[in-house]
Amino acid sequence: MASMVVALYSGMGMTAADPHQLNLPEPQTIIARQIYDQHTLALWVCLVIFIVVFGAMFYSVLKHR
């Protein structure tokens, strides 16, 4: 019963979140725009690295079982 209550309350926080609160706010100055663009580029680079590493890992696990 307690685990159901914890699961219920942990999910309630996401229902109240505004979609615009889940990302960085829109920049208002030129420097803020550059920082935002640099952050976005770093995020995409991390995503590509993640996909390559996990792809190689899954390939290796499935190939060498």
C-alpha atoms as a PDB file:
ATOM      1  CA  MET A   1       0.000   0.000   0.000  1.00  0.00           C
ATOM      2  CA  ALA A   2       2.783   2.408   0.887  1.00  0.00           C
ATOM      3  CA  SER A   3       4.556   1.764  -2.410  1.00  0.00           C
ATOM      4  CA  MET A   4       1.375   2.627  -4.305  1.00  0.00           C
ATOM      5  CA  VAL A   5       1.109   5.925  -2.426  1.00  0.00           C
ATOM      6  CA  VAL A   6       4.754   6.750  -3.171  1.00  0.00           C
ATOM      7  CA  ALA A   7       4.246   5.911  -6.861  1.00  0.00           C
ATOM      8  CA  LEU A   8       1.132   8.083  -6.979  1.00  0.00           C
ATOM      9  CA  TYR A   9       2.793  11.078  -5.334  1.00  0.00           C
ATOM     10  CA  SER A  10       5.981  10.781  -7.392  1.00  0.00           C
ATOM     11  CA  GLY A  11       3.974  10.988 -10.626  1.00  0.00           C
ATOM     12  CA  MET A  12       1.885  13.945  -9.527  1.00  0.00           C
ATOM     13  CA  GLY A  13       4.776  16.385  -9.858  1.00  0.00           C
ATOM     14  CA  MET A  14       5.002  15.902 -13.609  1.00  0.00           C
ATOM     15  CA  THR A  15       1.308  16.536 -14.176  1.00  0.00           C
ATOM     16  CA  ALA A  16       1.613  20.077 -12.841  1.00  0.00           C
ATOM     17  CA  ALA A  17       4.744  20.972 -14.836  1.00  0.00           C
ATOM     18  CA  ASP A  18       4.284  23.530 -17.557  1.00  0.00           C
ATOM     19  CA  PRO A  19       5.911  22.346 -20.814  1.00  0.00           C
ATOM     20  CA  HIS A  20       7.974  25.545 -20.949  1.00  0.00           C
ATOM     21  CA  GLN A  21       9.514  24.774 -17.549  1.00  0.00           C
ATOM     22  CA  LEU A  22      11.158  21.595 -18.817  1.00  0.00           C
ATOM     23  CA  ASN A  23      13.776  23.424 -20.904  1.00  0.00           C
ATOM     24  CA  LEU A  24      15.931  26.513 -20.664  1.00  0.00           C
ATOM     25  CA  PRO A  25      13.993  29.770 -21.026  1.00  0.00           C
ATOM     26  CA  GLU A  26      14.170  31.582 -24.339  1.00  0.00           C
ATOM     27  CA  PRO A  27      17.210  33.894 -24.356  1.00  0.00           C
ATOM     28  CA  GLN A  28      16.588  37.628 -24.525  1.00  0.00           C
ATOM     29  CA  THR A  29      20.075  38.936 -25.352  1.00  0.00           C
ATOM     30  CA  ILE A  30      22.700  38.100 -27.963  1.00  0.00           C
ATOM     31  CA  ILE A  31      25.086  36.601 -25.397  1.00  0.00           C
ATOM     32  CA  ALA A  32      22.297  34.539 -23.869  1.00  0.00           C
ATOM     33  CA  ARG A  33      21.410  33.260 -27.363  1.00  0.00           C
ATOM     34  CA  GLN A  34      25.034  32.212 -27.922  1.00  0.00           C
ATOM     35  CA  ILE A  35      25.101  30.391 -24.578  1.00  0.00           C
ATOM     36  CA  TYR A  36      21.796  28.700 -25.402  1.00  0.00           C
ATOM     37  CA  ASP A  37      23.084  27.602 -28.817  1.00  0.00           C
ATOM     38  CA  GLN A  38      26.302  26.284 -27.266  1.00  0.00           C
ATOM     39  CA  HIS A  39      24.284  24.332 -24.706  1.00  0.00           C
ATOM     40  CA  THR A  40      22.107  22.865 -27.454  1.00  0.00           C
ATOM     41  CA  LEU A  41      25.163  21.879 -29.502  1.00  0.00           C
ATOM     42  CA  ALA A  42      26.752  20.199 -26.459  1.00  0.00           C
ATOM     43  CA  LEU A  43      23.509  18.331 -25.832  1.00  0.00           C
ATOM     44  CA  TRP A  44      23.435  17.001 -29.408  1.00  0.00           C
ATOM     45  CA  VAL A  45      27.104  15.976 -29.211  1.00  0.00           C
ATOM     46  CA  CYS A  46      26.378  14.069 -25.994  1.00  0.00           C
ATOM     47  CA  LEU A  47      23.399  12.388 -27.645  1.00  0.00           C
ATOM     48  CA  VAL A  48      25.504  11.239 -30.608  1.00  0.00           C
ATOM     49  CA  ILE A  49      28.193   9.887 -28.262  1.00  0.00           C
ATOM     50  CA  PHE A  50      25.510   8.093 -26.246  1.00  0.00           C
ATOM     51  CA  ILE A  51      24.028   6.462 -29.350  1.00  0.00           C
ATOM     52  CA  VAL A  52      27.447   5.353 -30.650  1.00  0.00           C
ATOM     53  CA  VAL A  53      28.599   3.939 -27.302  1.00  0.00           C
ATOM     54  CA  PHE A  54      25.382   2.099 -26.535  1.00  0.00           C
ATOM     55  CA  GLY A  55      25.114   0.845 -30.111  1.00  0.00           C
ATOM     56  CA  ALA A  56      28.635  -0.599 -29.887  1.00  0.00           C
ATOM     57  CA  MET A  57      27.887  -2.045 -26.473  1.00  0.00           C
ATOM     58  CA  PHE A  58      24.668  -3.765 -27.582  1.00  0.00           C
ATOM     59  CA  TYR A  59      26.343  -5.034 -30.750  1.00  0.00           C
ATOM     60  CA  SER A  60      29.214  -6.456 -28.703  1.00  0.00           C
ATOM     61  CA  VAL A  61      26.898  -8.096 -26.176  1.00  0.00           C
ATOM     62  CA  LEU A  62      24.719  -9.681 -28.858  1.00  0.00           C
ATOM     63  CA  LYS A  63      27.627 -10.706 -31.094  1.00  0.00           C
ATOM     64  CA  HIS A  64      29.804 -12.270 -28.371  1.00  0.00           C
ATOM     65  CA  ARG A  65      27.347 -14.052 -26.121  1.00  0.00           C
END
